[in-house]
Structure formats: structure tokens, C-alpha cells
């Protein structure tokens, strides 16, 4: 377990907890493209090798990070509740990346954000991600928007 400033993280396989977080209305609306609405999502059905890092703040669970295997390393997805925002979210993200790297030796992370949610791009930049491409004209939150691809090279 890694911890700092009241934030603790650990690798976990509590799929029921993960699914309950994804089902929260404030999160469910933000984690998918519009074409995926109505599709039952289960974290245990993600690709083999997917790693989950659970986050707690002051002893209470407040979300998780999902790292799916990719060609370059892992693709990061952040699923944090309202109780873990701002500095706490940044601390959790940095700790999760450090834990993943210590477990897997991963050297590259990728991710993506929707252009109509600039706070997610801001958050990714605070974790050290840089823009590396754009997919134009996707649909998210009921509007046409771009998907911005991100990449982070982990330090040796």
C-alpha cells in the first residue's frame, strides 16, 4: 500500500465495489461515449491483465484507477468519487502510477479525454500526460466533441 496526505492506494480485485462506483450517476455519465449508454458495464469483463488500484481518503474508499494493457504499456482510466477531487485526486493519481510502475515495470501510459470536459485534460496534465493526437467528431454528453489522446513516459 502507498499513502500520502490522507490518501491510500492498493491493488484490488473488488469488482463489486468498482461496478458500484461506475454506476454512480455523476460518474456513469462521464466514463463513456454516448454510443455506449445502456450497455451493461462490468469491470471483471475488461481485458485480461487489467490492473485495478483502489483509492481511500482518510480511511473511506473513494474510487479507483483502472489500467488496461496496451501496445505501449497500460491505458489509464480514472474513476474517483466527489470525495476525491483537486489535490487529493492528483495525489491519488501520482501514487497509483507509482504503484503500477513498481508492480509491472511499466514505462509508458496512455489515456484519452473528451474535449468537452476540459477539467479531465487539466487533471491528466497534472499527472504528467501530454497530448499526442486527436480523433475528431465523437459523441459524448449529448454533443459532438473530439477525443484527445494522451501519453506519459514514466521515468527510469
Protein backbone atom coordinates (compact mmCIF):
# COMPACT_ATOMS: atom_id res chain seq x y z
CA UNK A 1 0.00 0.00 0.00
CA UNK A 2 1.18 3.51 -0.84
CA UNK A 3 -0.07 6.55 1.07
CA UNK A 4 0.43 10.29 1.36
CA UNK A 5 -1.60 13.16 2.82
CA UNK A 6 -4.57 11.02 3.86
CA UNK A 7 -4.71 9.23 0.50
CA UNK A 8 -4.03 5.48 0.45
CA UNK A 9 -3.96 3.20 -2.56
CA UNK A 10 -3.68 -0.54 -3.03
CA UNK A 11 -4.09 -3.05 -5.81
CA UNK A 12 -7.52 -4.65 -5.55
CA UNK A 13 -9.90 -7.03 -7.28
CA UNK A 14 -13.14 -5.91 -5.59
CA UNK A 15 -15.20 -5.85 -8.80
CA UNK A 16 -18.48 -5.31 -6.95
CA UNK A 17 -17.09 -2.12 -5.44
CA UNK A 18 -15.70 -0.93 -8.78
CA UNK A 19 -19.03 -1.56 -10.52
CA UNK A 20 -20.88 0.33 -7.78
CA UNK A 21 -18.63 3.37 -8.29
CA UNK A 22 -19.06 3.28 -12.09
CA UNK A 23 -22.84 3.08 -11.60
CA UNK A 24 -22.99 6.34 -9.61
CA UNK A 25 -24.88 8.83 -11.81
CA UNK A 26 -22.19 11.54 -11.57
CA UNK A 27 -19.60 9.05 -12.81
CA UNK A 28 -21.63 6.93 -15.25
CA UNK A 29 -22.36 9.98 -17.42
CA UNK A 30 -18.66 10.83 -17.68
CA UNK A 31 -17.00 7.48 -18.37
CA UNK A 32 -18.24 6.60 -21.82
CA UNK A 33 -19.09 7.78 -25.28
CA UNK A 34 -22.79 8.20 -26.00
CA UNK A 35 -23.00 5.05 -28.15
CA UNK A 36 -22.11 3.03 -25.04
CA UNK A 37 -25.09 4.27 -22.98
CA UNK A 38 -27.37 1.46 -21.90
CA UNK A 39 -24.70 -1.21 -22.27
CA UNK A 40 -24.17 -3.07 -19.01
CA UNK A 41 -20.62 -2.42 -17.87
CA UNK A 42 -18.80 -4.87 -15.63
CA UNK A 43 -15.19 -4.27 -14.61
CA UNK A 44 -14.47 -8.01 -14.37
CA UNK A 45 -15.14 -8.23 -18.13
CA UNK A 46 -12.25 -5.92 -19.02
CA UNK A 47 -9.26 -7.49 -20.83
CA UNK A 48 -7.03 -9.99 -19.08
CA UNK A 49 -4.12 -8.26 -17.39
CA UNK A 50 -6.17 -5.19 -16.41
CA UNK A 51 -4.97 -3.84 -13.05
CA UNK A 52 -7.18 -2.02 -10.55
CA UNK A 53 -5.86 0.31 -7.89
CA UNK A 54 -8.35 1.24 -5.19
CA UNK A 55 -8.23 4.68 -3.57
CA UNK A 56 -9.15 5.66 0.00
CA UNK A 57 -9.20 9.10 1.56
CA UNK A 58 -8.95 9.30 5.35
CA UNK A 59 -9.93 5.63 5.55
CA UNK A 60 -13.02 5.81 3.28
CA UNK A 61 -12.98 4.33 -0.22
CA UNK A 62 -13.39 6.97 -2.90
CA UNK A 63 -12.80 5.33 -6.27
CA UNK A 64 -10.20 3.54 -8.29
CA UNK A 65 -7.84 3.62 -11.23
CA UNK A 66 -8.10 1.06 -13.99
CA UNK A 67 -5.01 0.26 -16.04
CA UNK A 68 -5.72 -1.77 -19.17
CA UNK A 69 -2.85 -3.41 -21.05
CA UNK A 70 -1.98 -1.61 -24.28
CA UNK A 71 0.64 -1.99 -27.01
CA UNK A 72 2.87 0.57 -25.30
CA UNK A 73 2.23 -0.31 -21.65
CA UNK A 74 -1.08 0.49 -19.95
CA UNK A 75 -4.05 2.74 -20.69
CA UNK A 76 -5.11 4.65 -17.58
CA UNK A 77 -8.73 5.33 -16.60
CA UNK A 78 -9.60 7.40 -13.54
CA UNK A 79 -12.82 6.74 -11.63
CA UNK A 80 -12.89 8.90 -8.50
CA UNK A 81 -15.92 9.99 -6.49
CA UNK A 82 -16.76 13.54 -5.42
CA UNK A 83 -14.86 12.86 -2.17
CA UNK A 84 -11.55 12.75 -4.04
CA UNK A 85 -11.05 15.88 -6.11
CA UNK A 86 -8.37 18.54 -6.53
CA UNK A 87 -5.15 17.96 -4.62
CA UNK A 88 -6.44 14.62 -3.31
CA UNK A 89 -7.11 13.37 -6.85
CA UNK A 90 -3.69 14.49 -8.04
CA UNK A 91 -2.02 12.78 -5.07
CA UNK A 92 -4.03 9.60 -5.72
CA UNK A 93 -3.14 9.64 -9.42
CA UNK A 94 0.57 10.04 -8.80
CA UNK A 95 0.54 7.30 -6.15
CA UNK A 96 -1.39 4.95 -8.45
CA UNK A 97 1.10 5.48 -11.26
CA UNK A 98 3.99 4.83 -8.86
CA UNK A 99 2.33 1.65 -7.58
CA UNK A 100 1.59 0.38 -11.09
CA UNK A 101 5.18 1.01 -12.13
CA UNK A 102 6.51 -0.80 -9.05
CA UNK A 103 4.27 -3.83 -9.74
CA UNK A 104 4.67 -4.07 -13.52
CA UNK A 105 7.76 -2.12 -14.55
CA UNK A 106 5.54 -0.20 -16.97
CA UNK A 107 7.35 2.56 -18.86
CA UNK A 108 4.51 4.19 -20.86
CA UNK A 109 0.94 5.16 -20.00
CA UNK A 110 -1.70 6.27 -22.45
CA UNK A 111 -5.18 7.66 -21.94
CA UNK A 112 -7.79 9.82 -23.60
CA UNK A 113 -10.16 12.63 -22.62
CA UNK A 114 -13.14 14.27 -24.26
CA UNK A 115 -12.60 17.84 -25.42
CA UNK A 116 -15.93 18.92 -23.94
CA UNK A 117 -14.64 18.07 -20.47
CA UNK A 118 -11.56 20.31 -20.12
CA UNK A 119 -11.16 19.51 -16.41
CA UNK A 120 -10.15 15.95 -17.35
CA UNK A 121 -7.39 17.23 -19.64
CA UNK A 122 -6.23 19.59 -16.87
CA UNK A 123 -6.14 16.66 -14.43
CA UNK A 124 -4.17 14.49 -16.86
CA UNK A 125 -1.66 17.30 -17.36
CA UNK A 126 -1.14 17.46 -13.57
CA UNK A 127 -0.20 13.76 -13.71
CA UNK A 128 2.33 14.44 -16.48
CA UNK A 129 0.35 13.35 -19.55
CA UNK A 130 0.86 15.18 -22.86
CA UNK A 131 -1.42 15.38 -25.87
CA UNK A 132 -0.37 13.04 -28.67
CA UNK A 133 -3.34 13.00 -31.06
CA UNK A 134 -6.98 13.85 -31.71
CA UNK A 135 -9.92 11.88 -33.03
CA UNK A 136 -12.42 14.34 -34.43
CA UNK A 137 -16.17 14.10 -34.08
CA UNK A 138 -17.05 11.63 -31.41
CA UNK A 139 -20.18 11.99 -29.29
CA UNK A 140 -20.04 12.50 -25.54
CA UNK A 141 -22.53 14.00 -23.08
CA UNK A 142 -25.02 14.59 -25.89
CA UNK A 143 -22.76 16.67 -28.07
CA UNK A 144 -20.25 16.23 -30.84
CA UNK A 145 -16.73 16.57 -29.48
CA UNK A 146 -13.18 15.50 -30.13
CA UNK A 147 -11.34 12.73 -28.30
CA UNK A 148 -7.86 13.84 -27.22
CA UNK A 149 -5.26 11.08 -26.87
CA UNK A 150 -2.64 11.38 -24.15
CA UNK A 151 0.71 9.79 -23.35
CA UNK A 152 3.06 9.75 -20.37
CA UNK A 153 6.59 8.40 -20.43
CA UNK A 154 7.45 7.05 -16.98
CA UNK A 155 10.82 7.89 -15.54
CA UNK A 156 13.53 5.26 -15.46
